[in-house]
Each structure stands twice: as C-alpha cells, then as structure tokens.
Amino acid sequence: MNEFRKDPLHNKWVLIVPRRGKRPHAFFNECEGGDVEEVKVCPFCEGNESMTPPEVDSFRTKGKENEPGWLLRVFPNKYPALDKEIKTTQGGGSFLAFAEGYGFHEVIAETPSHTKDIYSINQDEMLLILKMYRKRYSILKEKKNIKSVFIFKNHGRAAGASLSHSHSQILALPIVPPFIEEETEMIRKAQFCIYCRLIEKAFDESRVLLENSDFVVIAPYASEFPYQLMILPRAHEPCFEEVPDEQLILLADVFGRIFNKYKTLLGNIPFNYFVNTSPLGKNFPNSHWNIQIMPKVTIPAGFEKGTGISINPISPEIAIRELKNIK
C-alpha cells in the first residue's frame, strides 16, 4: 500500500511506494553507472604522503609524520569547502543573510591499502576509524568560532565520492546546519525522549535489524532511501565524542554486521553515512547521538527535487525483513 509518512524529527515527508521497486532499473547499480574514476597515482595510498597537505593526526605502527608506517591518517582537504582563516563578516539581514565560509575541512584516509573498504576491513580497523572520529571531533570543537562538527563518509560515485580510496571527511562549521538545528528544536520541545520512542516503535513495528547490550539498529519510520538504517545507543547519550572505548568496540562490531548484510544482499552499493551528535553548547540530556546510513540505490528525479518529498520504493519493514534474512 502506498503511504505518506512524516519524519518525526524533521519537517519532511516520504512517500513509500513499494510497487515502484518492481520497475525495471528501479535501483541504481554502481557497476552499471561506473565506479569512482581511478587516478594513475592515488594521493591517499601509503608512500604518497607528499601528495596531500601535511598530516594533522594519525595512528601509526612506525615512522614519522608524512611518512609510511601509518594505519590511519588525517590531513586537511586539498580543496577545502571552508577557509580556516578567521573572518567574522556576516550580515544581509534575515532575508539574504550571509557569513564567511570559515571552518576546517579534514580528510581521514582510513587504510593504507587502496583495495580495502568498509565492506572488507576487520573490526579492529573499523575501531580505529571510530576512535579517530572521536579524537578529531574533540579537537575541532575547541577551535575558535566553531559551533558544530560534522563527520561523514561518501562511498561510490553515486554518493559523491571523488576518490575510490576509502576515506571519511570532517567539517568544523561556524553555524549549526538546519537539519541538526531542526532536530534539536524538536528535542527541546518534546515532553519525552524522542529517540527512546523511536526505538520503542521500531520494536513494535518490526523495524529493528540487530541489537546488542548498548546499541539498536533500526530502519527509520519515514526512511528516505531504500535500506536506510539508523544506529542508536540505548542510553541517553547526547555526545558522540564522550563514547568510551568499550562502547566503540561494540559499535565497530555493529558496523561490520551491517555492511556484511548490505554486501550480501545488494553488493558493493554506494552510500553516505554521517554522525549526528548534539551541537556544541546544546547538550540535551534526553537525546541520543546516532549514525544515519543512507544507501544510494535510487536516483532522485523531478518529483523529489521539485517537492522535497522523497519516494522510497522499499518500505522500511520490507527492507528489515530482507536484511535480517542475511546471516
């Protein structure tokens, strides 16, 4: 049955149209569409450290900065979206407001290997990535005039990746993005914990993919994309940067289980994921940081772009049923 669903955290509607999933070419295939264009010499590979800006952080087995021997390496984006020179000019009033594009834009090369990605790394390697997310978030949030830090990953051309070497990005912003601002306003107004209610309803409606002592993985009620997932801590934990090591170990295991299911059911699909955590200075106790995973297996067209309403050809209930069948 076709159904409009309203996102409980944002002013956004999704149209669930299960029969559209049966159309020819309903899902984008990365192989058909072409993968990320390969460069002759990859700047993110071990041994090519001179091809990137000087590193600002790393986990290493040996060697010095900007030399081989690293397990994971962080450096400023060579083509940053933000300028780290502090400029405070802003204005334009409420109608045409503007602010200078100040901030920090970093790249995390997640592995020295060009052929490894999130579908093939082991739990220890995923744990290092999560530890670096936590470390860089804690460092960047202390920078002057920064109001939010956003951690995300693009995998595959359809998801916006410009290089195939597995990497994530971090942006430290002088503003709170509207998506997060809207969500925190909903949390502030609520008389209950919205995230606990989301988990409760997901159990009631068979939208839980997997769980352990600390985390629950659900398909959001108003999933914008086929097979979209949300990782939530069970407890009220508003700040990702405060997650202890023992929880990160469990989270790394959750990532491995999710992407094993994705690969088995759908192949090496393109996706985006991002860490959604309480914006700086707005530490709401009745909140849960979370991670949103959004596979890119459909292509938005005129209706989606013109109305802002996403069409999802796979209901979240069916998506969970299919993914749970993967052992």
Protein backbone atom coordinates (compact mmCIF):
# COMPACT_ATOMS: atom_id res chain seq x y z
CA MET A 1 0.00 0.00 0.00
CA ASN A 2 1.30 3.46 -0.92
CA GLU A 3 1.69 5.72 2.10
CA PHE A 4 2.93 9.19 3.01
CA ARG A 5 5.00 9.16 6.22
CA LYS A 6 6.12 12.21 8.21
CA ASP A 7 9.61 12.23 9.71
CA PRO A 8 9.11 12.68 13.50
CA LEU A 9 12.34 14.69 13.82
CA HIS A 10 12.13 16.96 10.76
CA ASN A 11 9.56 18.78 8.67
CA LYS A 12 9.88 16.25 5.89
CA TRP A 13 7.57 13.77 4.18
CA VAL A 14 8.45 10.49 2.46
CA LEU A 15 6.20 8.64 0.02
CA ILE A 16 6.52 4.86 0.40
CA VAL A 17 5.60 3.21 -2.92
CA PRO A 18 6.52 -0.49 -2.69
CA ARG A 19 5.34 -1.38 -6.19
CA ARG A 20 7.87 1.01 -7.76
CA GLY A 21 10.63 -1.29 -6.55
CA LYS A 22 9.44 -3.82 -9.14
CA ARG A 23 10.03 -1.44 -12.05
CA PRO A 24 12.88 -2.20 -14.47
CA HIS A 25 16.02 -0.30 -13.37
CA ALA A 26 14.32 0.74 -10.11
CA PHE A 27 17.68 0.58 -8.33
CA PHE A 28 20.88 2.28 -9.41
CA ASN A 29 23.73 -0.17 -9.88
CA GLU A 30 27.21 1.21 -9.24
CA CYS A 31 28.68 -1.22 -11.76
CA GLU A 32 26.31 -0.06 -14.49
CA GLY A 33 26.78 3.59 -13.60
CA GLY A 34 30.55 3.37 -13.35
CA ASP A 35 32.61 3.48 -10.19
CA VAL A 36 34.66 6.44 -8.97
CA GLU A 37 37.21 7.33 -11.62
CA GLU A 38 40.60 5.89 -10.79
CA VAL A 39 43.65 8.16 -10.77
CA LYS A 40 47.02 6.91 -12.00
CA VAL A 41 48.65 7.63 -8.65
CA CYS A 42 46.39 7.73 -5.59
CA PRO A 43 47.33 10.51 -3.13
CA PHE A 44 45.73 8.60 -0.24
CA CYS A 45 47.89 5.47 -0.62
CA GLU A 46 50.81 4.71 1.67
CA GLY A 47 54.03 6.05 0.14
CA ASN A 48 52.31 9.03 -1.50
CA GLU A 49 52.11 11.19 1.63
CA SER A 50 53.76 14.13 -0.17
CA MET A 51 50.73 14.39 -2.48
CA THR A 52 48.44 15.56 0.35
CA PRO A 53 48.69 18.56 2.68
CA PRO A 54 50.79 17.78 5.79
CA GLU A 55 49.02 15.41 8.15
CA VAL A 56 47.47 16.71 11.35
CA ASP A 57 46.91 13.34 13.03
CA SER A 58 47.50 9.62 12.56
CA PHE A 59 47.61 6.18 14.16
CA ARG A 60 50.94 4.54 13.30
CA THR A 61 52.96 1.38 13.71
CA LYS A 62 56.19 3.18 12.78
CA GLY A 63 57.63 6.20 11.02
CA LYS A 64 57.25 9.94 11.48
CA GLU A 65 54.62 12.40 10.24
CA ASN A 66 54.08 12.36 6.47
CA GLU A 67 55.97 9.08 6.09
CA PRO A 68 54.84 5.47 5.52
CA GLY A 69 54.02 3.33 8.54
CA TRP A 70 50.54 4.66 9.30
CA LEU A 71 47.35 2.72 9.89
CA LEU A 72 45.08 5.73 9.50
CA ARG A 73 46.00 9.27 8.51
CA VAL A 74 44.30 12.70 8.79
CA PHE A 75 45.15 15.79 6.74
CA PRO A 76 43.41 18.98 5.56
CA ASN A 77 41.35 18.62 2.40
CA LYS A 78 43.40 19.84 -0.57
CA TYR A 79 40.29 21.51 -1.97
CA PRO A 80 38.51 22.60 1.23
CA ALA A 81 34.92 23.76 1.38
CA LEU A 82 35.91 26.05 4.27
CA ASP A 83 38.67 28.58 4.95
CA LYS A 84 40.46 28.21 8.30
CA GLU A 85 41.42 31.90 8.34
CA ILE A 86 39.09 33.55 10.85
CA LYS A 87 36.74 36.05 9.26
CA THR A 88 33.74 37.31 11.16
CA THR A 89 31.97 39.25 8.44
CA GLN A 90 28.29 38.42 8.27
CA GLY A 91 25.08 40.23 7.57
CA GLY A 92 22.47 40.62 4.89
CA GLY A 93 19.60 40.77 7.37
CA SER A 94 17.04 37.99 7.81
CA PHE A 95 16.21 37.76 4.09
CA LEU A 96 19.60 37.44 2.38
CA ALA A 97 21.82 36.56 5.33
CA PHE A 98 25.42 35.50 4.77
CA ALA A 99 28.51 34.55 6.71
CA GLU A 100 32.09 33.96 5.62
CA GLY A 101 32.94 30.33 4.88
CA TYR A 102 35.22 29.93 7.89
CA GLY A 103 35.97 26.50 9.31
CA PHE A 104 38.06 23.35 8.99
CA HIS A 105 37.79 20.57 6.42
CA GLU A 106 39.77 17.39 7.06
CA VAL A 107 40.13 14.04 5.29
CA ILE A 108 40.66 10.72 7.08
CA ALA A 109 42.43 8.14 4.90
CA GLU A 110 41.01 5.08 6.64
CA THR A 111 43.54 2.49 5.47
CA PRO A 112 46.94 2.41 3.72
CA SER A 113 45.50 -0.16 1.29
CA HIS A 114 43.88 1.08 -1.92
CA THR A 115 41.73 -2.04 -2.25
CA LYS A 116 40.23 -2.22 1.23
CA ASP A 117 36.94 -0.52 2.05
CA ILE A 118 34.25 -0.69 4.71
CA TYR A 119 32.94 -3.91 3.17
CA SER A 120 36.29 -5.67 3.69
CA ILE A 121 38.01 -4.12 6.72
CA ASN A 122 38.01 -6.03 10.00
CA GLN A 123 36.59 -4.96 13.37
CA ASP A 124 39.93 -3.65 14.67
CA GLU A 125 40.33 -1.44 11.61
CA MET A 126 36.79 -0.10 12.00
CA LEU A 127 37.50 0.58 15.67
CA LEU A 128 40.50 2.75 14.72
CA ILE A 129 38.30 4.79 12.38
CA LEU A 130 35.74 5.37 15.14
CA LYS A 131 38.47 6.32 17.61
CA MET A 132 39.81 8.89 15.16
CA TYR A 133 36.31 10.29 14.63
CA ARG A 134 36.03 10.75 18.38
CA LYS A 135 39.50 12.27 18.68
CA ARG A 136 39.16 14.77 15.83
CA TYR A 137 35.68 15.81 16.97
CA SER A 138 37.04 16.60 20.43
CA ILE A 139 39.90 18.64 18.95
CA LEU A 140 37.91 20.56 16.34
CA LYS A 141 35.05 21.52 18.64
CA GLU A 142 37.52 23.60 20.68
CA LYS A 143 38.55 25.74 17.70
CA LYS A 144 37.60 29.39 17.87
CA ASN A 145 34.16 30.35 16.46
CA ILE A 146 33.17 26.73 15.74
CA LYS A 147 29.54 25.87 16.52
CA SER A 148 29.22 22.34 15.13
CA VAL A 149 31.35 19.48 13.82
CA PHE A 150 30.08 17.16 11.10
CA ILE A 151 31.60 13.73 10.36
CA PHE A 152 30.56 11.89 7.21
CA LYS A 153 31.56 9.30 4.63
CA ASN A 154 30.76 9.05 0.91
CA HIS A 155 31.31 5.70 -0.78
CA GLY A 156 30.92 5.33 -4.53
CA ARG A 157 30.36 7.83 -7.30
CA ALA A 158 26.59 7.96 -6.80
CA ALA A 159 27.20 9.00 -3.19
CA GLY A 160 29.59 11.81 -4.12
CA ALA A 161 32.99 10.18 -3.56
CA SER A 162 35.71 11.76 -5.71
CA LEU A 163 38.38 9.11 -5.00
CA SER A 164 37.88 5.37 -4.56
CA HIS A 165 40.43 5.03 -1.73
CA SER A 166 38.37 4.54 1.44
CA HIS A 167 38.12 7.81 3.37
CA SER A 168 35.87 9.95 5.56
CA GLN A 169 35.63 13.70 5.99
CA ILE A 170 35.15 16.09 8.91
CA LEU A 171 33.93 19.68 8.68
CA ALA A 172 34.03 22.09 11.62
CA LEU A 173 31.43 24.80 10.94
CA PRO A 174 30.71 28.32 12.25
CA ILE A 175 26.97 27.56 12.06
CA VAL A 176 24.62 24.79 13.15
CA PRO A 177 23.28 23.08 9.98
CA PRO A 178 19.48 23.43 9.53
CA PHE A 179 19.00 19.63 9.65
CA ILE A 180 20.59 19.48 13.11
CA GLU A 181 19.04 22.74 14.29
CA GLU A 182 15.58 21.45 13.39
CA GLU A 183 16.21 18.19 15.20
CA THR A 184 17.48 19.84 18.38
CA GLU A 185 14.44 22.12 18.42
CA MET A 186 12.15 19.08 18.28
CA ILE A 187 14.11 17.52 21.16
CA ARG A 188 13.86 20.72 23.20
CA LYS A 189 10.08 20.93 22.76
CA ALA A 190 9.32 17.26 23.43
CA GLN A 191 7.96 16.15 26.81
CA PHE A 192 9.65 12.76 26.35
CA CYS A 193 12.79 11.31 24.76
CA ILE A 194 12.07 11.16 21.04
CA TYR A 195 14.89 8.67 20.41
CA CYS A 196 13.68 6.24 23.07
CA ARG A 197 10.24 6.47 21.48
CA LEU A 198 11.77 5.79 18.04
CA ILE A 199 13.43 2.64 19.41
CA GLU A 200 10.24 1.53 21.13
CA LYS A 201 8.14 2.00 17.98
CA ALA A 202 10.75 0.23 15.84
CA PHE A 203 10.47 -2.86 18.07
CA ASP A 204 6.66 -2.66 17.94
CA GLU A 205 6.64 -2.39 14.14
CA SER A 206 9.37 -4.95 13.25
CA ARG A 207 11.85 -2.34 12.06
CA VAL A 208 14.81 -3.48 14.22
CA LEU A 209 17.67 -5.07 12.27
CA LEU A 210 20.01 -6.01 15.11
CA GLU A 211 20.91 -5.11 18.68
CA ASN A 212 23.47 -5.67 21.41
CA SER A 213 23.82 -4.51 25.02
CA ASP A 214 24.46 -0.87 24.04
CA PHE A 215 23.10 -0.30 20.51
CA VAL A 216 19.99 -0.81 18.42
CA VAL A 217 19.93 -0.62 14.60
CA ILE A 218 16.58 0.38 13.12
CA ALA A 219 15.05 1.35 9.81
CA PRO A 220 13.57 4.83 10.33
CA TYR A 221 9.77 5.02 10.12
CA ALA A 222 9.98 7.58 7.28
CA SER A 223 13.05 6.11 5.56
CA GLU A 224 14.05 8.43 2.74
CA PHE A 225 16.14 5.78 0.95
CA PRO A 226 15.75 2.03 0.38
CA TYR A 227 17.52 0.04 3.13
CA GLN A 228 18.28 3.18 5.16
CA LEU A 229 19.42 2.43 8.72
CA MET A 230 19.97 4.32 11.95
CA ILE A 231 22.35 3.23 14.73
CA LEU A 232 21.20 4.40 18.16
CA PRO A 233 22.70 3.96 21.63
CA ARG A 234 20.14 2.54 24.03
CA ALA A 235 21.03 5.04 26.76
CA HIS A 236 20.58 8.83 26.83
CA GLU A 237 23.95 9.80 25.34
CA PRO A 238 23.87 13.14 23.50
CA CYS A 239 27.58 13.44 22.65
CA PHE A 240 29.45 11.01 20.40
CA GLU A 241 32.83 12.41 21.49
CA GLU A 242 32.19 11.08 25.03
CA VAL A 243 31.67 7.44 24.00
CA PRO A 244 34.08 5.18 25.94
CA ASP A 245 36.32 2.59 24.28
CA GLU A 246 34.21 -0.38 25.36
CA GLN A 247 31.21 1.07 23.53
CA LEU A 248 33.25 1.85 20.43
CA ILE A 249 34.24 -1.84 20.29
CA LEU A 250 30.56 -2.81 20.24
CA LEU A 251 29.86 -0.12 17.64
CA ALA A 252 32.65 -1.40 15.38
CA ASP A 253 31.04 -4.86 15.55
CA VAL A 254 27.67 -3.35 14.59
CA PHE A 255 29.22 -1.68 11.53
CA GLY A 256 30.74 -4.97 10.41
CA ARG A 257 27.43 -6.81 10.72
CA ILE A 258 25.51 -4.09 8.85
CA PHE A 259 27.87 -3.89 5.90
CA ASN A 260 28.16 -7.66 5.63
CA LYS A 261 24.37 -7.75 5.22
CA TYR A 262 24.42 -4.92 2.69
CA LYS A 263 27.12 -6.58 0.59
CA THR A 264 25.46 -9.99 0.65
CA LEU A 265 22.03 -8.66 -0.29
CA LEU A 266 22.88 -5.70 -2.54
CA GLY A 267 26.58 -5.89 -3.46
CA ASN A 268 29.11 -3.10 -3.04
CA ILE A 269 26.47 -0.36 -3.06
CA PRO A 270 27.24 3.35 -2.83
CA PHE A 271 26.18 5.02 0.40
CA ASN A 272 26.54 8.02 2.67
CA TYR A 273 26.70 7.88 6.43
CA PHE A 274 27.08 10.62 8.99
CA VAL A 275 27.45 11.01 12.73
CA ASN A 276 24.62 13.05 14.21
CA THR A 277 25.53 14.41 17.63
CA SER A 278 24.42 17.21 19.91
CA PRO A 279 25.65 20.59 18.56
CA LEU A 280 28.20 22.42 20.63
CA GLY A 281 26.70 24.15 23.65
CA LYS A 282 23.36 22.30 23.32
CA ASN A 283 23.91 19.20 25.36
CA PHE A 284 20.35 17.96 25.83
CA PRO A 285 20.26 15.15 28.41
CA ASN A 286 17.22 13.48 26.80
CA SER A 287 18.99 12.95 23.50
CA HIS A 288 20.90 10.18 21.74
CA TRP A 289 23.74 10.73 19.29
CA ASN A 290 23.21 8.49 16.28
CA ILE A 291 24.62 7.40 12.94
CA GLN A 292 22.50 7.52 9.78
CA ILE A 293 23.39 5.18 6.90
CA MET A 294 21.81 6.05 3.55
CA PRO A 295 22.39 3.68 0.61
CA LYS A 296 22.25 5.38 -2.78
CA VAL A 297 20.49 2.82 -4.94
CA THR A 298 17.84 5.14 -6.39
CA ILE A 299 18.22 8.40 -8.31
CA PRO A 300 16.08 11.41 -7.25
CA ALA A 301 14.16 12.88 -10.18
CA GLY A 302 11.81 15.78 -10.86
CA PHE A 303 9.18 14.98 -8.25
CA GLU A 304 11.70 14.64 -5.42
CA LYS A 305 13.62 17.77 -6.40
CA GLY A 306 10.53 19.86 -7.02
CA THR A 307 8.54 18.91 -3.91
CA GLY A 308 11.20 17.95 -1.38
CA ILE A 309 9.28 14.68 -0.88
CA SER A 310 11.36 11.54 -1.32
CA ILE A 311 9.92 8.43 -2.98
CA ASN A 312 11.11 5.20 -1.40
CA PRO A 313 10.27 2.04 -3.40
CA ILE A 314 11.09 -0.30 -0.49
CA SER A 315 9.20 0.10 2.78
CA PRO A 316 11.44 0.03 5.87
CA GLU A 317 9.57 -3.02 7.14
CA ILE A 318 10.36 -4.99 3.97
CA ALA A 319 13.97 -3.73 3.97
CA ILE A 320 14.50 -5.01 7.52
CA ARG A 321 12.91 -8.36 6.68
CA GLU A 322 15.25 -8.81 3.71
CA LEU A 323 18.36 -7.73 5.65
CA LYS A 324 17.52 -9.91 8.67
CA ASN A 325 17.41 -12.96 6.40
CA ILE A 326 21.12 -12.44 5.71
CA LYS A 327 23.14 -14.38 8.28
